């Protein structure tokens, strides 16, 4: 009887914890796309990249998970959520995790960047990023974006606000190749 009660308690605790975890993961998976580029001659990876679009749905799920993982008090949580809502209203944002070979690592929003990222709306408007900000890959980022690993580089990529339409594309391109991720919510 004692084992049965202990098992029931564990099951109840898991049922409380897992839906939030599964909820965040399913929203993350819905708004994350990934692709790889390989060299034809030696099959080495030129780039392996993942991008998560911060849709209103994803930003809410991320904010909820962040407040739990950081153990924020209600006032802190409300301030964080308000700041996230402001970001949502001002721009289109992506979190990009990328592995590239050492010579191909330079990514910025400037003209000296090895890789260029552009966002293409359904109407064909091509947007350049206003910000490409390196984000360190630490345990927090690995929890929030499980596609990251020790070889990944993280970036916050921000584009000007424009109507995206029903589908949009994020393209990573350089002299060594081009790769496009497509969202069709």
N, C-alpha and C. Protein backbone atom coordinates (compact mmCIF):
# COMPACT_ATOMS: atom_id res chain seq x y z
N UNK A 1 0.82 -1.19 0.00
CA UNK A 1 0.00 0.00 0.00
C UNK A 1 0.87 1.26 0.00
N UNK A 2 1.96 1.20 0.77
CA UNK A 2 2.85 2.35 0.86
C UNK A 2 3.50 2.64 -0.50
N UNK A 3 3.94 1.58 -1.21
CA UNK A 3 4.55 1.75 -2.53
C UNK A 3 3.53 2.33 -3.50
N UNK A 4 2.30 1.87 -3.40
CA UNK A 4 1.25 2.35 -4.29
C UNK A 4 1.00 3.84 -4.06
N UNK A 5 0.95 4.27 -2.79
CA UNK A 5 0.75 5.69 -2.47
C UNK A 5 1.92 6.53 -2.98
N UNK A 6 3.15 6.02 -2.79
CA UNK A 6 4.33 6.75 -3.28
C UNK A 6 4.28 6.87 -4.80
N UNK A 7 3.90 5.80 -5.47
CA UNK A 7 3.79 5.81 -6.92
C UNK A 7 2.74 6.80 -7.39
N UNK A 8 1.63 6.86 -6.68
CA UNK A 8 0.55 7.79 -7.02
C UNK A 8 1.01 9.24 -6.85
N UNK A 9 1.76 9.50 -5.80
CA UNK A 9 2.27 10.85 -5.57
C UNK A 9 3.23 11.25 -6.69
N UNK A 10 4.14 10.36 -7.04
CA UNK A 10 5.09 10.64 -8.13
C UNK A 10 4.34 10.88 -9.43
N UNK A 11 3.34 10.06 -9.72
CA UNK A 11 2.55 10.22 -10.94
C UNK A 11 1.84 11.57 -10.96
N UNK A 12 1.28 11.98 -9.83
CA UNK A 12 0.61 13.28 -9.76
C UNK A 12 1.60 14.42 -9.98
N UNK A 13 2.78 14.33 -9.37
CA UNK A 13 3.79 15.36 -9.56
C UNK A 13 4.23 15.45 -11.02
N UNK A 14 4.42 14.30 -11.64
CA UNK A 14 4.81 14.29 -13.05
C UNK A 14 3.73 14.87 -13.94
N UNK A 15 2.49 14.58 -13.62
CA UNK A 15 1.39 15.10 -14.45
C UNK A 15 1.29 16.61 -14.34
N UNK A 16 1.71 17.17 -13.21
CA UNK A 16 1.70 18.61 -13.04
C UNK A 16 2.87 19.24 -13.80
N UNK A 17 4.04 18.59 -13.77
CA UNK A 17 5.25 19.15 -14.39
C UNK A 17 5.30 18.95 -15.90
N UNK A 18 4.89 17.81 -16.39
CA UNK A 18 5.08 17.47 -17.80
C UNK A 18 4.26 18.30 -18.78
N UNK A 19 3.00 18.64 -18.50
CA UNK A 19 2.27 19.41 -19.50
C UNK A 19 2.95 20.74 -19.85
N UNK A 20 3.50 21.45 -18.87
CA UNK A 20 4.19 22.71 -19.16
C UNK A 20 5.41 22.44 -20.01
N UNK A 21 6.16 21.41 -19.68
CA UNK A 21 7.36 21.04 -20.44
C UNK A 21 6.95 20.69 -21.87
N UNK A 22 5.98 19.80 -22.00
CA UNK A 22 5.54 19.38 -23.33
C UNK A 22 4.95 20.56 -24.08
N UNK A 23 4.24 21.45 -23.38
CA UNK A 23 3.67 22.62 -24.03
C UNK A 23 4.73 23.52 -24.62
N UNK A 24 5.76 23.82 -23.86
CA UNK A 24 6.85 24.66 -24.37
C UNK A 24 7.55 23.98 -25.54
N UNK A 25 7.86 22.70 -25.36
CA UNK A 25 8.57 21.97 -26.41
C UNK A 25 7.76 21.92 -27.70
N UNK A 26 6.46 21.70 -27.59
CA UNK A 26 5.66 21.62 -28.82
C UNK A 26 5.57 22.98 -29.51
N UNK A 27 5.47 24.06 -28.74
CA UNK A 27 5.45 25.40 -29.34
C UNK A 27 6.82 25.72 -29.93
N UNK A 28 7.89 25.36 -29.23
CA UNK A 28 9.25 25.55 -29.75
C UNK A 28 9.42 24.81 -31.07
N UNK A 29 8.99 23.55 -31.11
CA UNK A 29 9.11 22.76 -32.34
C UNK A 29 8.30 23.34 -33.49
N UNK A 30 7.13 23.89 -33.17
CA UNK A 30 6.27 24.48 -34.20
C UNK A 30 6.94 25.68 -34.86
N UNK A 31 7.66 26.48 -34.09
CA UNK A 31 8.23 27.72 -34.60
C UNK A 31 9.73 27.65 -34.89
N UNK A 32 10.31 26.44 -34.83
CA UNK A 32 11.73 26.25 -35.14
C UNK A 32 11.88 25.45 -36.42
N UNK A 33 12.76 25.90 -37.27
CA UNK A 33 13.10 25.20 -38.51
C UNK A 33 14.60 24.99 -38.52
N UNK A 34 15.06 24.00 -39.31
CA UNK A 34 16.50 23.76 -39.38
C UNK A 34 16.90 23.18 -40.73
N UNK A 35 18.14 23.41 -41.09
CA UNK A 35 18.72 22.87 -42.33
C UNK A 35 20.22 22.73 -42.16
N UNK A 36 20.81 22.00 -43.11
CA UNK A 36 22.25 21.81 -43.13
C UNK A 36 22.77 22.08 -44.54
N UNK A 37 24.02 22.55 -44.60
CA UNK A 37 24.72 22.70 -45.88
C UNK A 37 26.03 21.92 -45.77
N UNK A 38 26.29 21.07 -46.75
CA UNK A 38 27.51 20.27 -46.74
C UNK A 38 28.32 20.53 -48.00
N UNK A 39 29.64 20.41 -47.87
CA UNK A 39 30.53 20.51 -49.02
C UNK A 39 30.41 19.22 -49.83
N UNK A 40 30.27 19.34 -51.12
CA UNK A 40 30.13 18.18 -51.99
C UNK A 40 31.43 17.39 -52.07
N UNK A 41 32.55 18.07 -52.03
CA UNK A 41 33.85 17.42 -52.21
C UNK A 41 34.28 16.55 -51.04
N UNK A 42 34.04 17.02 -49.80
CA UNK A 42 34.53 16.25 -48.65
C UNK A 42 33.45 15.96 -47.60
N UNK A 43 32.23 16.31 -47.86
CA UNK A 43 31.07 16.08 -47.01
C UNK A 43 31.22 16.70 -45.61
N UNK A 44 32.05 17.73 -45.47
CA UNK A 44 32.12 18.47 -44.22
C UNK A 44 30.97 19.46 -44.17
N UNK A 45 30.46 19.70 -42.98
CA UNK A 45 29.38 20.65 -42.83
C UNK A 45 29.89 22.07 -43.04
N UNK A 46 29.23 22.80 -43.92
CA UNK A 46 29.51 24.23 -44.07
C UNK A 46 28.73 24.99 -43.00
N UNK A 47 27.49 24.55 -42.79
CA UNK A 47 26.65 25.17 -41.77
C UNK A 47 25.53 24.20 -41.39
N UNK A 48 25.27 24.12 -40.11
CA UNK A 48 24.10 23.43 -39.58
C UNK A 48 23.40 24.48 -38.73
N UNK A 49 22.18 24.83 -39.13
CA UNK A 49 21.54 25.93 -38.42
C UNK A 49 20.09 25.66 -38.08
N UNK A 50 19.66 26.28 -37.00
CA UNK A 50 18.29 26.21 -36.49
C UNK A 50 17.87 27.65 -36.22
N UNK A 51 16.63 27.96 -36.52
CA UNK A 51 16.11 29.29 -36.24
C UNK A 51 14.72 29.17 -35.63
N UNK A 52 14.51 29.87 -34.54
CA UNK A 52 13.21 29.92 -33.88
C UNK A 52 12.63 31.31 -34.08
N UNK A 53 11.44 31.37 -34.70
CA UNK A 53 10.76 32.64 -34.89
C UNK A 53 9.97 32.97 -33.63
N UNK A 54 10.11 34.19 -33.15
CA UNK A 54 9.39 34.62 -31.94
C UNK A 54 7.99 35.10 -32.33
N UNK A 55 7.13 34.15 -32.62
CA UNK A 55 5.72 34.47 -32.87
C UNK A 55 5.11 34.87 -31.52
N UNK A 56 3.93 35.50 -31.52
CA UNK A 56 3.30 35.80 -30.23
C UNK A 56 3.11 34.53 -29.38
N UNK A 57 2.75 33.42 -30.02
CA UNK A 57 2.56 32.16 -29.30
C UNK A 57 3.87 31.68 -28.68
N UNK A 58 4.96 31.71 -29.45
CA UNK A 58 6.23 31.25 -28.90
C UNK A 58 6.73 32.19 -27.81
N UNK A 59 6.60 33.50 -28.03
CA UNK A 59 7.10 34.45 -27.03
C UNK A 59 6.37 34.26 -25.70
N UNK A 60 5.06 33.99 -25.74
CA UNK A 60 4.32 33.73 -24.49
C UNK A 60 4.83 32.47 -23.81
N UNK A 61 5.01 31.39 -24.59
CA UNK A 61 5.50 30.13 -24.01
C UNK A 61 6.91 30.31 -23.45
N UNK A 62 7.75 31.04 -24.15
CA UNK A 62 9.12 31.29 -23.69
C UNK A 62 9.10 32.13 -22.41
N UNK A 63 8.26 33.16 -22.37
CA UNK A 63 8.18 34.01 -21.18
C UNK A 63 7.72 33.20 -19.97
N UNK A 64 6.75 32.33 -20.17
CA UNK A 64 6.26 31.49 -19.08
C UNK A 64 7.37 30.56 -18.58
N UNK A 65 8.07 29.95 -19.51
CA UNK A 65 9.16 29.04 -19.12
C UNK A 65 10.30 29.80 -18.45
N UNK A 66 10.62 30.98 -18.98
CA UNK A 66 11.69 31.80 -18.40
C UNK A 66 11.37 32.16 -16.95
N UNK A 67 10.14 32.59 -16.70
CA UNK A 67 9.78 33.00 -15.34
C UNK A 67 9.86 31.82 -14.37
N UNK A 68 9.57 30.62 -14.86
CA UNK A 68 9.68 29.43 -14.00
C UNK A 68 11.14 29.02 -13.79
N UNK A 69 11.92 29.01 -14.87
CA UNK A 69 13.33 28.58 -14.78
C UNK A 69 14.17 29.55 -13.96
N UNK A 70 13.81 30.84 -13.99
CA UNK A 70 14.56 31.86 -13.26
C UNK A 70 13.94 32.16 -11.89
N UNK A 71 12.86 31.45 -11.55
CA UNK A 71 12.18 31.61 -10.26
C UNK A 71 11.85 33.08 -9.98
N UNK A 72 11.26 33.75 -10.95
CA UNK A 72 10.94 35.16 -10.81
C UNK A 72 9.74 35.37 -9.89
N UNK A 73 9.83 36.40 -9.09
CA UNK A 73 8.70 36.83 -8.26
C UNK A 73 7.64 37.43 -9.18
N UNK A 74 6.38 37.51 -8.72
CA UNK A 74 5.31 38.01 -9.59
C UNK A 74 5.59 39.38 -10.23
N UNK A 75 6.16 40.30 -9.47
CA UNK A 75 6.45 41.64 -10.02
C UNK A 75 7.52 41.54 -11.11
N UNK A 76 8.57 40.77 -10.84
CA UNK A 76 9.63 40.57 -11.84
C UNK A 76 9.09 39.89 -13.09
N UNK A 77 8.24 38.90 -12.88
CA UNK A 77 7.65 38.17 -14.01
C UNK A 77 6.80 39.12 -14.86
N UNK A 78 6.01 39.96 -14.21
CA UNK A 78 5.17 40.91 -14.95
C UNK A 78 6.02 41.89 -15.75
N UNK A 79 7.13 42.35 -15.17
CA UNK A 79 8.03 43.27 -15.87
C UNK A 79 8.67 42.58 -17.08
N UNK A 80 9.08 41.33 -16.89
CA UNK A 80 9.69 40.58 -17.99
C UNK A 80 8.69 40.38 -19.13
N UNK A 81 7.48 39.98 -18.78
CA UNK A 81 6.44 39.75 -19.79
C UNK A 81 6.10 41.04 -20.53
N UNK A 82 6.03 42.16 -19.81
CA UNK A 82 5.76 43.46 -20.45
C UNK A 82 6.87 43.83 -21.43
N UNK A 83 8.11 43.58 -21.04
CA UNK A 83 9.25 43.87 -21.94
C UNK A 83 9.19 42.99 -23.18
N UNK A 84 8.80 41.72 -23.02
CA UNK A 84 8.69 40.81 -24.16
C UNK A 84 7.56 41.25 -25.09
N UNK A 85 6.44 41.69 -24.53
CA UNK A 85 5.32 42.16 -25.36
C UNK A 85 5.72 43.41 -26.15
N UNK A 86 6.53 44.27 -25.54
CA UNK A 86 7.02 45.47 -26.24
C UNK A 86 7.90 45.06 -27.41
N UNK A 87 8.80 44.10 -27.19
CA UNK A 87 9.66 43.61 -28.28
C UNK A 87 8.81 43.04 -29.42
N UNK A 88 7.75 42.32 -29.06
CA UNK A 88 6.88 41.70 -30.07
C UNK A 88 6.24 42.76 -30.96
N UNK A 89 5.85 43.87 -30.36
CA UNK A 89 5.17 44.93 -31.11
C UNK A 89 6.13 45.71 -32.01
N UNK A 90 7.43 45.70 -31.67
CA UNK A 90 8.38 46.56 -32.37
C UNK A 90 9.11 45.91 -33.54
N UNK A 91 9.29 44.59 -33.51
CA UNK A 91 10.15 43.97 -34.52
C UNK A 91 9.85 42.48 -34.65
N UNK A 92 10.40 41.88 -35.71
CA UNK A 92 10.39 40.42 -35.87
C UNK A 92 11.72 39.91 -35.32
N UNK A 93 11.64 38.89 -34.49
CA UNK A 93 12.85 38.40 -33.83
C UNK A 93 13.01 36.90 -34.03
N UNK A 94 14.25 36.47 -34.19
CA UNK A 94 14.61 35.06 -34.30
C UNK A 94 15.74 34.76 -33.33
N UNK A 95 15.76 33.54 -32.82
CA UNK A 95 16.95 33.03 -32.16
C UNK A 95 17.55 32.03 -33.13
N UNK A 96 18.82 32.23 -33.48
CA UNK A 96 19.49 31.36 -34.44
C UNK A 96 20.64 30.65 -33.75
N UNK A 97 20.65 29.34 -33.84
CA UNK A 97 21.77 28.53 -33.38
C UNK A 97 22.45 27.95 -34.60
N UNK A 98 23.76 28.14 -34.70
CA UNK A 98 24.45 27.72 -35.91
C UNK A 98 25.81 27.11 -35.59
N UNK A 99 26.11 26.05 -36.30
CA UNK A 99 27.46 25.49 -36.29
C UNK A 99 28.03 25.75 -37.67
N UNK A 100 29.21 26.33 -37.72
CA UNK A 100 29.92 26.50 -38.98
C UNK A 100 31.38 26.14 -38.77
N UNK A 101 32.04 25.80 -39.84
CA UNK A 101 33.48 25.55 -39.76
C UNK A 101 34.17 26.87 -39.40
N UNK A 102 35.31 26.75 -38.79
CA UNK A 102 36.01 27.93 -38.26
C UNK A 102 36.16 29.08 -39.26
N UNK A 103 36.55 28.84 -40.51
CA UNK A 103 36.71 29.98 -41.42
C UNK A 103 35.39 30.69 -41.74
N UNK A 104 34.25 30.06 -41.44
CA UNK A 104 32.95 30.62 -41.83
C UNK A 104 32.19 31.21 -40.65
N UNK A 105 32.84 31.52 -39.55
CA UNK A 105 32.13 31.86 -38.32
C UNK A 105 31.64 33.29 -38.22
N UNK A 106 32.11 34.21 -38.99
CA UNK A 106 31.83 35.63 -38.78
C UNK A 106 30.39 35.97 -39.22
N UNK A 107 29.55 36.30 -38.23
CA UNK A 107 28.16 36.68 -38.52
C UNK A 107 27.85 37.97 -37.77
N UNK A 108 27.52 39.02 -38.52
CA UNK A 108 27.10 40.29 -37.95
C UNK A 108 26.01 40.87 -38.85
N UNK A 109 25.53 42.05 -38.51
CA UNK A 109 24.57 42.72 -39.39
C UNK A 109 25.27 43.68 -40.35
N UNK A 110 26.59 43.76 -40.26
CA UNK A 110 27.35 44.67 -41.11
C UNK A 110 27.73 44.06 -42.44
N UNK A 111 28.29 44.90 -43.30
CA UNK A 111 28.68 44.44 -44.64
C UNK A 111 29.91 43.55 -44.60
N UNK A 112 30.63 43.51 -43.48
CA UNK A 112 31.82 42.66 -43.36
C UNK A 112 31.49 41.24 -42.90
N UNK A 113 30.23 40.93 -42.71
CA UNK A 113 29.82 39.61 -42.24
C UNK A 113 30.05 38.55 -43.32
N UNK A 114 30.56 37.40 -42.92
CA UNK A 114 30.73 36.30 -43.88
C UNK A 114 29.36 35.80 -44.33
N UNK A 115 28.45 35.62 -43.37
CA UNK A 115 27.09 35.17 -43.66
C UNK A 115 26.16 36.37 -43.65
N UNK A 116 25.19 36.35 -44.54
CA UNK A 116 24.14 37.36 -44.57
C UNK A 116 22.82 36.66 -44.30
N UNK A 117 21.99 37.26 -43.46
CA UNK A 117 20.65 36.74 -43.22
C UNK A 117 19.64 37.75 -43.73
N UNK A 118 18.62 37.25 -44.43
CA UNK A 118 17.53 38.11 -44.89
C UNK A 118 16.20 37.42 -44.61
N UNK A 119 15.19 38.24 -44.35
CA UNK A 119 13.83 37.77 -44.11
C UNK A 119 12.99 38.19 -45.30
N UNK A 120 12.31 37.23 -45.92
CA UNK A 120 11.48 37.51 -47.10
C UNK A 120 10.02 37.28 -46.74
N UNK A 121 9.20 38.31 -46.95
CA UNK A 121 7.78 38.21 -46.65
C UNK A 121 7.06 37.44 -47.76
N UNK A 122 5.82 37.09 -47.51
CA UNK A 122 5.03 36.40 -48.52
C UNK A 122 4.88 37.26 -49.78
N UNK A 123 4.83 38.58 -49.61
CA UNK A 123 4.69 39.50 -50.74
C UNK A 123 6.00 39.69 -51.51
N UNK A 124 7.10 39.10 -51.00
CA UNK A 124 8.38 39.20 -51.69
C UNK A 124 9.28 40.31 -51.19
N UNK A 125 8.85 41.05 -50.18
CA UNK A 125 9.70 42.11 -49.62
C UNK A 125 10.87 41.46 -48.86
N UNK A 126 12.08 41.91 -49.15
CA UNK A 126 13.28 41.37 -48.52
C UNK A 126 13.76 42.35 -47.45
N UNK A 127 13.84 41.85 -46.22
CA UNK A 127 14.24 42.69 -45.08
C UNK A 127 15.62 42.28 -44.59
N UNK A 128 16.45 43.27 -44.31
CA UNK A 128 17.76 43.02 -43.72
C UNK A 128 17.65 43.20 -42.21
N UNK A 129 18.47 42.49 -41.45
CA UNK A 129 18.37 42.62 -39.99
C UNK A 129 18.85 43.99 -39.51
N UNK A 130 18.20 44.48 -38.47
CA UNK A 130 18.64 45.70 -37.81
C UNK A 130 19.63 45.37 -36.70
N UNK A 131 19.64 44.11 -36.28
CA UNK A 131 20.53 43.69 -35.20
C UNK A 131 20.85 42.21 -35.35
N UNK A 132 22.13 41.88 -35.27
CA UNK A 132 22.58 40.49 -35.15
C UNK A 132 23.49 40.49 -33.93
N UNK A 133 22.97 39.94 -32.85
CA UNK A 133 23.66 40.01 -31.56
C UNK A 133 24.10 38.62 -31.11
N UNK A 134 25.41 38.42 -30.91
CA UNK A 134 25.85 37.11 -30.40
C UNK A 134 25.27 36.85 -29.01
N UNK A 135 24.86 35.61 -28.78
CA UNK A 135 24.33 35.19 -27.48
C UNK A 135 25.18 34.01 -27.03
N UNK A 136 25.77 34.12 -25.86
CA UNK A 136 26.58 33.01 -25.35
C UNK A 136 25.72 31.76 -25.16
N UNK A 137 26.31 30.61 -25.44
CA UNK A 137 25.59 29.35 -25.24
C UNK A 137 26.00 28.79 -23.88
N UNK A 138 25.10 28.95 -22.93
CA UNK A 138 25.30 28.52 -21.54
C UNK A 138 24.17 27.55 -21.19
N UNK A 139 24.17 26.98 -20.00
CA UNK A 139 23.10 26.03 -19.64
C UNK A 139 21.69 26.58 -19.83
N UNK A 140 21.47 27.87 -19.54
CA UNK A 140 20.14 28.45 -19.72
C UNK A 140 19.71 28.35 -21.19
N UNK A 141 20.59 28.76 -22.10
CA UNK A 141 20.26 28.71 -23.53
C UNK A 141 20.06 27.28 -24.00
N UNK A 142 20.84 26.35 -23.47
CA UNK A 142 20.69 24.94 -23.86
C UNK A 142 19.35 24.38 -23.39
N UNK A 143 18.83 24.88 -22.27
CA UNK A 143 17.51 24.45 -21.78
C UNK A 143 16.41 25.08 -22.64
N UNK A 144 16.57 26.35 -22.96
CA UNK A 144 15.54 27.05 -23.73
C UNK A 144 15.53 26.64 -25.21
N UNK A 145 16.70 26.33 -25.73
CA UNK A 145 16.84 25.95 -27.15
C UNK A 145 17.64 24.65 -27.21
N UNK A 146 16.99 23.52 -27.01
CA UNK A 146 17.71 22.24 -26.89
C UNK A 146 18.46 21.80 -28.15
N UNK A 147 18.29 22.49 -29.25
CA UNK A 147 19.06 22.15 -30.45
C UNK A 147 20.50 22.68 -30.37
N UNK A 148 20.81 23.49 -29.38
CA UNK A 148 22.17 23.99 -29.21
C UNK A 148 23.07 22.92 -28.62
N UNK A 149 24.34 22.98 -28.95
CA UNK A 149 25.33 22.09 -28.33
C UNK A 149 26.63 22.87 -28.15
N UNK A 150 27.67 22.20 -27.69
CA UNK A 150 28.90 22.92 -27.36
C UNK A 150 29.60 23.51 -28.59
N UNK A 151 29.25 23.08 -29.77
CA UNK A 151 29.85 23.62 -30.99
C UNK A 151 29.01 24.74 -31.60
N UNK A 152 27.85 25.00 -31.04
CA UNK A 152 26.94 26.00 -31.59
C UNK A 152 27.33 27.42 -31.17
N UNK A 153 26.96 28.34 -32.02
CA UNK A 153 27.00 29.77 -31.70
C UNK A 153 25.55 30.23 -31.70
N UNK A 154 25.19 31.08 -30.76
CA UNK A 154 23.83 31.60 -30.69
C UNK A 154 23.77 33.06 -31.11
N UNK A 155 22.66 33.43 -31.75
CA UNK A 155 22.48 34.81 -32.19
C UNK A 155 21.03 35.23 -32.01
N UNK A 156 20.85 36.45 -31.57
CA UNK A 156 19.53 37.09 -31.58
C UNK A 156 19.52 37.95 -32.84
N UNK A 157 18.56 37.68 -33.73
CA UNK A 157 18.50 38.38 -35.01
C UNK A 157 17.16 39.11 -35.07
N UNK A 158 17.23 40.43 -35.26
CA UNK A 158 16.03 41.28 -35.24
C UNK A 158 15.86 41.96 -36.60
N UNK A 159 14.62 41.91 -37.10
CA UNK A 159 14.27 42.54 -38.37
C UNK A 159 13.21 43.60 -38.13
N UNK A 160 13.13 44.61 -39.01
CA UNK A 160 12.08 45.62 -38.86
C UNK A 160 10.69 45.00 -39.00
N UNK A 161 9.74 45.60 -38.31
CA UNK A 161 8.37 45.10 -38.36
C UNK A 161 7.77 45.40 -39.74
N UNK A 162 7.22 44.37 -40.35
CA UNK A 162 6.54 44.48 -41.65
C UNK A 162 5.55 43.33 -41.71
N UNK A 163 4.46 43.46 -42.46
CA UNK A 163 3.53 42.34 -42.59
C UNK A 163 4.22 41.15 -43.25
N UNK A 164 4.23 40.02 -42.57
CA UNK A 164 4.90 38.83 -43.11
C UNK A 164 4.01 38.03 -44.05
N UNK A 165 2.70 38.11 -43.86
CA UNK A 165 1.78 37.30 -44.65
C UNK A 165 1.61 35.92 -44.03
N UNK A 166 1.04 35.00 -44.81
CA UNK A 166 0.79 33.65 -44.31
C UNK A 166 2.03 32.77 -44.30
N UNK A 167 3.05 33.15 -45.05
CA UNK A 167 4.30 32.39 -45.02
C UNK A 167 5.46 33.36 -45.21
N UNK A 168 6.60 33.00 -44.67
CA UNK A 168 7.79 33.84 -44.79
C UNK A 168 9.02 32.95 -44.74
N UNK A 169 10.16 33.52 -45.18
CA UNK A 169 11.39 32.73 -45.28
C UNK A 169 12.56 33.49 -44.64
N UNK A 170 13.42 32.75 -43.98
CA UNK A 170 14.67 33.28 -43.46
C UNK A 170 15.79 32.60 -44.23
N UNK A 171 16.65 33.39 -44.85
CA UNK A 171 17.72 32.85 -45.69
C UNK A 171 19.08 33.20 -45.11
N UNK A 172 19.94 32.21 -45.08
CA UNK A 172 21.34 32.36 -44.69
C UNK A 172 22.15 32.15 -45.97
N UNK A 173 22.99 33.13 -46.34
CA UNK A 173 23.71 33.00 -47.60
C UNK A 173 25.11 33.62 -47.50
N UNK A 174 25.99 33.06 -48.32
CA UNK A 174 27.37 33.57 -48.43
C UNK A 174 27.97 33.01 -49.71
N UNK A 175 29.25 33.20 -49.90
CA UNK A 175 29.91 32.69 -51.10
C UNK A 175 29.99 31.17 -51.10
N UNK A 176 29.85 30.52 -49.94
CA UNK A 176 29.94 29.06 -49.88
C UNK A 176 28.59 28.35 -49.99
N UNK A 177 27.50 29.11 -50.00
CA UNK A 177 26.21 28.47 -50.14
C UNK A 177 25.06 29.32 -49.65
N UNK A 178 23.88 28.75 -49.80
CA UNK A 178 22.64 29.43 -49.43
C UNK A 178 21.68 28.39 -48.88
N UNK A 179 20.98 28.75 -47.81
CA UNK A 179 20.01 27.86 -47.20
C UNK A 179 18.81 28.68 -46.75
N UNK A 180 17.62 28.19 -47.02
CA UNK A 180 16.40 28.93 -46.70
C UNK A 180 15.48 28.08 -45.84
N UNK A 181 15.00 28.70 -44.76
CA UNK A 181 14.00 28.08 -43.89
C UNK A 181 12.66 28.75 -44.17
N UNK A 182 11.59 27.97 -44.19
CA UNK A 182 10.27 28.51 -44.52
C UNK A 182 9.28 28.21 -43.41
N UNK A 183 8.52 29.23 -43.03
CA UNK A 183 7.44 29.09 -42.05
C UNK A 183 6.12 29.30 -42.78
N UNK A 184 5.18 28.41 -42.56
CA UNK A 184 3.83 28.53 -43.10
C UNK A 184 2.85 28.18 -41.99
N UNK A 185 2.66 29.11 -41.05
CA UNK A 185 1.81 28.80 -39.87
C UNK A 185 0.38 28.46 -40.22
